[in-house]
Amino acid sequence: QVQLVESGGGLVQAGNSLRLSCQFSGGFCRRYAVAWVRQVPGKDREFVADIRWDGGSIHYDDSVKGRFTVSRNAALNTVFLQMNSLKPTDTALYFCAASELRWPITGDRVEYWGTGTLVTVSS
């Protein structure tokens, strides 16, 4: 059974950076498409970024384009989300989600979810 564990969240001031990690266990990230999504309490989850298992295709929501970078490290079995120039509007619970060898990674194709890591950006 694949498990995803997010880490790296925290409280930062606007303009600063954080790097989130999505650690795989029970499976290898090189076989999975991974999406990062975020959710503010009381609102729907929203797409942030995704990356195909081979790193050959990556997408970003317009709200984070140019500020966030998604990457994967097969040796560490981890997918990262580097978040720069953070804004208060980036405050949310961030989740990673995975789908084995299916692309694009749409909601109905997600097989595994992490439990989330909280990012809070103060102004």
N, C-alpha and C. Protein backbone atom coordinates (compact mmCIF):
# COMPACT_ATOMS: atom_id res chain seq x y z
N GLN A 1 0.84 -1.18 0.00
CA GLN A 1 0.00 0.00 0.00
C GLN A 1 0.89 1.24 0.00
N VAL A 2 0.66 2.11 -0.97
CA VAL A 2 1.43 3.34 -1.06
C VAL A 2 0.94 4.33 0.00
N GLN A 3 1.89 4.97 0.63
CA GLN A 3 1.56 6.04 1.57
C GLN A 3 2.33 7.29 1.16
N LEU A 4 1.68 8.43 1.30
CA LEU A 4 2.29 9.72 1.00
C LEU A 4 2.31 10.54 2.28
N VAL A 5 3.45 11.13 2.58
CA VAL A 5 3.57 11.95 3.77
C VAL A 5 4.15 13.30 3.37
N GLU A 6 3.36 14.34 3.58
CA GLU A 6 3.83 15.69 3.29
C GLU A 6 4.55 16.28 4.50
N SER A 7 5.50 17.14 4.23
CA SER A 7 6.19 17.86 5.29
C SER A 7 6.73 19.16 4.72
N GLY A 8 7.20 20.02 5.61
CA GLY A 8 7.82 21.27 5.17
C GLY A 8 6.97 22.51 5.34
N GLY A 9 5.73 22.32 5.75
CA GLY A 9 4.89 23.49 5.96
C GLY A 9 5.33 24.28 7.19
N GLY A 10 4.73 25.44 7.36
CA GLY A 10 5.06 26.26 8.51
C GLY A 10 4.52 27.67 8.36
N LEU A 11 4.95 28.52 9.27
CA LEU A 11 4.54 29.93 9.27
C LEU A 11 5.70 30.77 8.76
N VAL A 12 5.45 31.53 7.70
CA VAL A 12 6.47 32.40 7.13
C VAL A 12 5.87 33.76 6.81
N GLN A 13 6.73 34.74 6.68
CA GLN A 13 6.28 36.06 6.26
C GLN A 13 6.19 36.12 4.74
N ALA A 14 5.33 36.98 4.28
CA ALA A 14 5.18 37.18 2.83
C ALA A 14 6.53 37.51 2.21
N GLY A 15 6.77 36.92 1.04
CA GLY A 15 8.02 37.13 0.34
C GLY A 15 9.05 36.05 0.58
N ASN A 16 8.85 35.27 1.61
CA ASN A 16 9.79 34.21 1.94
C ASN A 16 9.46 32.92 1.19
N SER A 17 10.23 31.86 1.49
CA SER A 17 10.11 30.61 0.75
C SER A 17 9.91 29.43 1.69
N LEU A 18 9.32 28.38 1.15
CA LEU A 18 9.21 27.09 1.81
C LEU A 18 9.39 26.01 0.76
N ARG A 19 9.86 24.86 1.18
CA ARG A 19 9.91 23.71 0.29
C ARG A 19 9.12 22.57 0.93
N LEU A 20 8.09 22.16 0.25
CA LEU A 20 7.28 21.04 0.71
C LEU A 20 7.81 19.75 0.11
N SER A 21 7.68 18.68 0.89
CA SER A 21 8.10 17.36 0.44
C SER A 21 6.91 16.41 0.49
N CYS A 22 6.87 15.52 -0.46
CA CYS A 22 5.87 14.43 -0.49
C CYS A 22 6.66 13.13 -0.56
N GLN A 23 6.82 12.49 0.60
CA GLN A 23 7.63 11.28 0.70
C GLN A 23 6.78 10.06 0.40
N PHE A 24 7.24 9.23 -0.54
CA PHE A 24 6.56 7.98 -0.87
C PHE A 24 7.09 6.85 0.00
N SER A 25 6.19 5.96 0.37
CA SER A 25 6.57 4.67 0.94
C SER A 25 5.62 3.63 0.40
N GLY A 26 6.10 2.38 0.29
CA GLY A 26 5.28 1.32 -0.26
C GLY A 26 5.17 1.38 -1.77
N GLY A 27 5.90 2.27 -2.40
CA GLY A 27 5.88 2.40 -3.85
C GLY A 27 6.95 3.39 -4.28
N PHE A 28 7.17 3.47 -5.57
CA PHE A 28 8.23 4.32 -6.08
C PHE A 28 7.66 5.51 -6.85
N CYS A 29 8.11 6.69 -6.51
CA CYS A 29 7.54 7.90 -7.13
C CYS A 29 7.79 7.93 -8.63
N ARG A 30 8.77 7.17 -9.12
CA ARG A 30 9.06 7.18 -10.55
C ARG A 30 7.94 6.50 -11.36
N ARG A 31 6.98 5.89 -10.67
CA ARG A 31 5.85 5.25 -11.34
C ARG A 31 4.56 6.06 -11.20
N TYR A 32 4.64 7.22 -10.56
CA TYR A 32 3.43 7.95 -10.22
C TYR A 32 3.44 9.37 -10.74
N ALA A 33 2.30 9.78 -11.29
CA ALA A 33 2.04 11.19 -11.50
C ALA A 33 1.62 11.77 -10.16
N VAL A 34 2.11 12.95 -9.85
CA VAL A 34 1.82 13.56 -8.55
C VAL A 34 1.29 14.97 -8.74
N ALA A 35 0.25 15.26 -8.03
CA ALA A 35 -0.31 16.61 -8.02
C ALA A 35 -0.20 17.20 -6.64
N TRP A 36 0.03 18.49 -6.59
CA TRP A 36 -0.08 19.24 -5.35
C TRP A 36 -1.39 20.04 -5.44
N VAL A 37 -2.17 19.93 -4.41
CA VAL A 37 -3.41 20.70 -4.32
C VAL A 37 -3.44 21.37 -2.95
N ARG A 38 -4.25 22.41 -2.82
CA ARG A 38 -4.33 23.10 -1.54
C ARG A 38 -5.78 23.40 -1.22
N GLN A 39 -6.01 23.57 0.06
CA GLN A 39 -7.38 23.80 0.51
C GLN A 39 -7.40 24.77 1.67
N VAL A 40 -8.23 25.76 1.54
CA VAL A 40 -8.51 26.69 2.63
C VAL A 40 -9.78 26.21 3.31
N PRO A 41 -9.83 26.21 4.63
CA PRO A 41 -11.04 25.75 5.32
C PRO A 41 -12.31 26.41 4.79
N GLY A 42 -13.29 25.58 4.49
CA GLY A 42 -14.56 26.10 3.98
C GLY A 42 -14.60 26.27 2.48
N LYS A 43 -13.48 26.00 1.81
CA LYS A 43 -13.44 26.12 0.36
C LYS A 43 -13.05 24.80 -0.27
N ASP A 44 -13.26 24.69 -1.58
CA ASP A 44 -12.88 23.48 -2.30
C ASP A 44 -11.37 23.40 -2.45
N ARG A 45 -10.90 22.18 -2.64
CA ARG A 45 -9.50 22.01 -2.96
C ARG A 45 -9.21 22.62 -4.32
N GLU A 46 -8.03 23.19 -4.46
CA GLU A 46 -7.66 23.77 -5.75
C GLU A 46 -6.30 23.25 -6.20
N PHE A 47 -6.21 23.07 -7.50
CA PHE A 47 -4.99 22.56 -8.10
C PHE A 47 -3.87 23.59 -7.97
N VAL A 48 -2.66 23.09 -7.67
CA VAL A 48 -1.49 23.96 -7.60
C VAL A 48 -0.51 23.63 -8.71
N ALA A 49 -0.10 22.35 -8.78
CA ALA A 49 0.89 21.92 -9.77
C ALA A 49 0.85 20.42 -9.89
N ASP A 50 1.37 19.91 -11.02
CA ASP A 50 1.52 18.46 -11.13
C ASP A 50 2.76 18.13 -11.95
N ILE A 51 3.18 16.88 -11.81
CA ILE A 51 4.37 16.42 -12.50
C ILE A 51 4.16 14.96 -12.89
N ARG A 52 4.49 14.62 -14.14
CA ARG A 52 4.36 13.24 -14.59
C ARG A 52 5.47 12.39 -13.99
N TRP A 53 5.32 11.08 -13.97
CA TRP A 53 6.26 10.18 -13.31
C TRP A 53 7.67 10.32 -13.86
N ASP A 54 7.80 10.70 -15.14
CA ASP A 54 9.13 10.82 -15.72
C ASP A 54 9.63 12.26 -15.70
N GLY A 55 8.84 13.16 -15.12
CA GLY A 55 9.21 14.56 -15.10
C GLY A 55 9.07 15.24 -16.44
N GLY A 56 8.53 14.53 -17.42
CA GLY A 56 8.46 15.05 -18.78
C GLY A 56 7.33 16.03 -19.03
N SER A 57 6.41 16.15 -18.11
CA SER A 57 5.30 17.10 -18.24
C SER A 57 4.99 17.68 -16.88
N ILE A 58 4.89 18.98 -16.82
CA ILE A 58 4.62 19.70 -15.57
C ILE A 58 3.63 20.83 -15.87
N HIS A 59 2.71 21.04 -14.95
CA HIS A 59 1.75 22.13 -15.10
C HIS A 59 1.65 22.90 -13.80
N TYR A 60 1.31 24.16 -13.93
CA TYR A 60 1.11 25.03 -12.76
C TYR A 60 -0.18 25.81 -12.93
N ASP A 61 -0.83 26.04 -11.81
CA ASP A 61 -1.95 26.98 -11.84
C ASP A 61 -1.38 28.38 -12.09
N ASP A 62 -2.15 29.21 -12.74
CA ASP A 62 -1.67 30.56 -13.06
C ASP A 62 -1.29 31.34 -11.80
N SER A 63 -1.95 31.06 -10.69
CA SER A 63 -1.71 31.82 -9.46
C SER A 63 -0.33 31.57 -8.87
N VAL A 64 0.32 30.47 -9.27
CA VAL A 64 1.63 30.14 -8.70
C VAL A 64 2.73 30.11 -9.74
N LYS A 65 2.36 30.25 -11.01
CA LYS A 65 3.33 30.17 -12.09
C LYS A 65 4.41 31.22 -11.92
N GLY A 66 5.65 30.80 -12.04
CA GLY A 66 6.78 31.71 -11.86
C GLY A 66 7.26 31.82 -10.43
N ARG A 67 6.47 31.31 -9.49
CA ARG A 67 6.86 31.36 -8.07
C ARG A 67 7.10 29.97 -7.49
N PHE A 68 6.34 28.99 -7.95
CA PHE A 68 6.45 27.63 -7.43
C PHE A 68 7.11 26.73 -8.47
N THR A 69 7.85 25.74 -7.98
CA THR A 69 8.49 24.76 -8.86
C THR A 69 8.30 23.37 -8.28
N VAL A 70 7.77 22.48 -9.10
CA VAL A 70 7.59 21.09 -8.67
C VAL A 70 8.71 20.26 -9.28
N SER A 71 9.22 19.32 -8.50
CA SER A 71 10.31 18.46 -8.97
C SER A 71 10.21 17.12 -8.27
N ARG A 72 10.99 16.17 -8.75
CA ARG A 72 11.01 14.85 -8.12
C ARG A 72 12.45 14.39 -8.01
N ASN A 73 12.71 13.60 -6.98
CA ASN A 73 14.01 12.99 -6.77
C ASN A 73 13.77 11.52 -6.54
N ALA A 74 14.04 10.71 -7.58
CA ALA A 74 13.75 9.29 -7.50
C ALA A 74 14.60 8.61 -6.43
N ALA A 75 15.82 9.07 -6.26
CA ALA A 75 16.70 8.46 -5.26
C ALA A 75 16.16 8.65 -3.84
N LEU A 76 15.51 9.79 -3.62
CA LEU A 76 14.91 10.06 -2.31
C LEU A 76 13.46 9.60 -2.26
N ASN A 77 12.94 9.17 -3.41
CA ASN A 77 11.54 8.73 -3.50
C ASN A 77 10.59 9.83 -3.01
N THR A 78 10.88 11.03 -3.44
CA THR A 78 10.18 12.21 -2.93
C THR A 78 9.88 13.19 -4.06
N VAL A 79 8.73 13.82 -3.96
CA VAL A 79 8.36 14.91 -4.87
C VAL A 79 8.33 16.19 -4.05
N PHE A 80 8.88 17.25 -4.62
CA PHE A 80 9.02 18.51 -3.91
C PHE A 80 8.16 19.60 -4.53
N LEU A 81 7.81 20.57 -3.72
CA LEU A 81 7.18 21.80 -4.20
C LEU A 81 7.94 22.96 -3.58
N GLN A 82 8.77 23.60 -4.39
CA GLN A 82 9.50 24.77 -3.92
C GLN A 82 8.61 25.99 -4.12
N MET A 83 8.37 26.71 -3.04
CA MET A 83 7.46 27.85 -3.07
C MET A 83 8.24 29.11 -2.70
N ASN A 84 8.37 29.99 -3.65
CA ASN A 84 9.08 31.26 -3.45
C ASN A 84 8.10 32.42 -3.52
N SER A 85 8.55 33.56 -3.02
CA SER A 85 7.73 34.78 -3.07
C SER A 85 6.32 34.52 -2.56
N LEU A 86 6.25 33.88 -1.42
CA LEU A 86 4.95 33.48 -0.88
C LEU A 86 4.09 34.70 -0.56
N LYS A 87 2.79 34.52 -0.74
CA LYS A 87 1.81 35.56 -0.49
C LYS A 87 0.82 35.08 0.57
N PRO A 88 0.17 35.99 1.26
CA PRO A 88 -0.86 35.55 2.23
C PRO A 88 -1.94 34.69 1.57
N THR A 89 -2.22 34.92 0.31
CA THR A 89 -3.22 34.12 -0.39
C THR A 89 -2.77 32.68 -0.65
N ASP A 90 -1.49 32.38 -0.40
CA ASP A 90 -1.01 31.01 -0.51
C ASP A 90 -1.29 30.21 0.76
N THR A 91 -1.78 30.85 1.79
CA THR A 91 -2.10 30.16 3.04
C THR A 91 -3.15 29.09 2.80
N ALA A 92 -2.81 27.85 3.17
CA ALA A 92 -3.71 26.72 2.94
C ALA A 92 -3.09 25.45 3.50
N LEU A 93 -3.88 24.41 3.51
CA LEU A 93 -3.38 23.06 3.78
C LEU A 93 -3.00 22.45 2.42
N TYR A 94 -1.77 22.03 2.30
CA TYR A 94 -1.26 21.51 1.03
C TYR A 94 -1.19 19.99 1.08
N PHE A 95 -1.73 19.37 0.04
CA PHE A 95 -1.76 17.92 -0.09
C PHE A 95 -1.01 17.49 -1.34
N CYS A 96 -0.40 16.32 -1.29
CA CYS A 96 0.03 15.68 -2.53
C CYS A 96 -0.89 14.50 -2.80
N ALA A 97 -1.04 14.21 -4.08
CA ALA A 97 -1.92 13.14 -4.54
C ALA A 97 -1.21 12.41 -5.67
N ALA A 98 -1.42 11.09 -5.78
CA ALA A 98 -0.68 10.30 -6.75
C ALA A 98 -1.58 9.37 -7.54
N SER A 99 -1.16 9.17 -8.79
CA SER A 99 -1.85 8.25 -9.68
C SER A 99 -0.79 7.45 -10.43
N GLU A 100 -0.93 6.13 -10.42
CA GLU A 100 0.10 5.28 -11.01
C GLU A 100 -0.02 5.23 -12.53
N LEU A 101 0.96 5.81 -13.20
CA LEU A 101 1.13 5.70 -14.65
C LEU A 101 -0.10 6.15 -15.44
N ARG A 102 -0.84 7.12 -14.90
CA ARG A 102 -1.96 7.69 -15.65
C ARG A 102 -1.79 9.19 -15.68
N TRP A 103 -2.00 9.74 -16.87
CA TRP A 103 -1.77 11.17 -17.10
C TRP A 103 -2.79 11.68 -18.10
N PRO A 104 -3.35 12.84 -17.94
CA PRO A 104 -3.10 13.73 -16.81
C PRO A 104 -3.73 13.21 -15.52
N ILE A 105 -3.28 13.76 -14.41
CA ILE A 105 -3.76 13.30 -13.11
C ILE A 105 -4.99 14.11 -12.74
N THR A 106 -6.12 13.63 -13.16
CA THR A 106 -7.39 14.26 -12.83
C THR A 106 -7.91 13.69 -11.50
N GLY A 107 -8.89 14.36 -10.95
CA GLY A 107 -9.38 13.98 -9.63
C GLY A 107 -9.83 12.53 -9.55
N ASP A 108 -10.49 12.06 -10.62
CA ASP A 108 -11.02 10.69 -10.60
C ASP A 108 -9.92 9.66 -10.76
N ARG A 109 -8.71 10.09 -11.10
CA ARG A 109 -7.60 9.15 -11.27
C ARG A 109 -6.70 9.08 -10.05
N VAL A 110 -6.93 9.94 -9.08
CA VAL A 110 -6.09 9.93 -7.89
C VAL A 110 -6.34 8.65 -7.10
N GLU A 111 -5.25 7.97 -6.76
CA GLU A 111 -5.36 6.73 -6.00
C GLU A 111 -4.94 6.91 -4.55
N TYR A 112 -4.04 7.85 -4.31
CA TYR A 112 -3.51 8.03 -2.97
C TYR A 112 -3.42 9.52 -2.64
N TRP A 113 -3.72 9.81 -1.38
CA TRP A 113 -3.62 11.17 -0.86
C TRP A 113 -2.76 11.16 0.40
N GLY A 114 -2.02 12.25 0.56
CA GLY A 114 -1.37 12.46 1.85
C GLY A 114 -2.34 13.15 2.80
N THR A 115 -1.89 13.40 4.01
CA THR A 115 -2.77 14.02 5.02
C THR A 115 -2.60 15.52 5.09
N GLY A 116 -1.62 16.05 4.37
CA GLY A 116 -1.49 17.49 4.26
C GLY A 116 -0.46 18.10 5.20
N THR A 117 0.02 19.27 4.77
CA THR A 117 0.93 20.07 5.59
C THR A 117 0.47 21.52 5.49
N LEU A 118 0.42 22.19 6.63
CA LEU A 118 -0.17 23.52 6.68
C LEU A 118 0.87 24.60 6.37
N VAL A 119 0.51 25.47 5.46
CA VAL A 119 1.34 26.63 5.12
C VAL A 119 0.57 27.88 5.51
N THR A 120 1.20 28.71 6.32
CA THR A 120 0.60 29.97 6.73
C THR A 120 1.55 31.10 6.39
N VAL A 121 1.07 32.05 5.60
CA VAL A 121 1.89 33.18 5.17
C VAL A 121 1.31 34.45 5.77
N SER A 122 2.11 35.11 6.58
CA SER A 122 1.65 36.34 7.22
C SER A 122 2.06 37.56 6.39
N SER A 123 1.26 38.60 6.50
CA SER A 123 1.55 39.82 5.72
C SER A 123 2.46 40.77 6.49
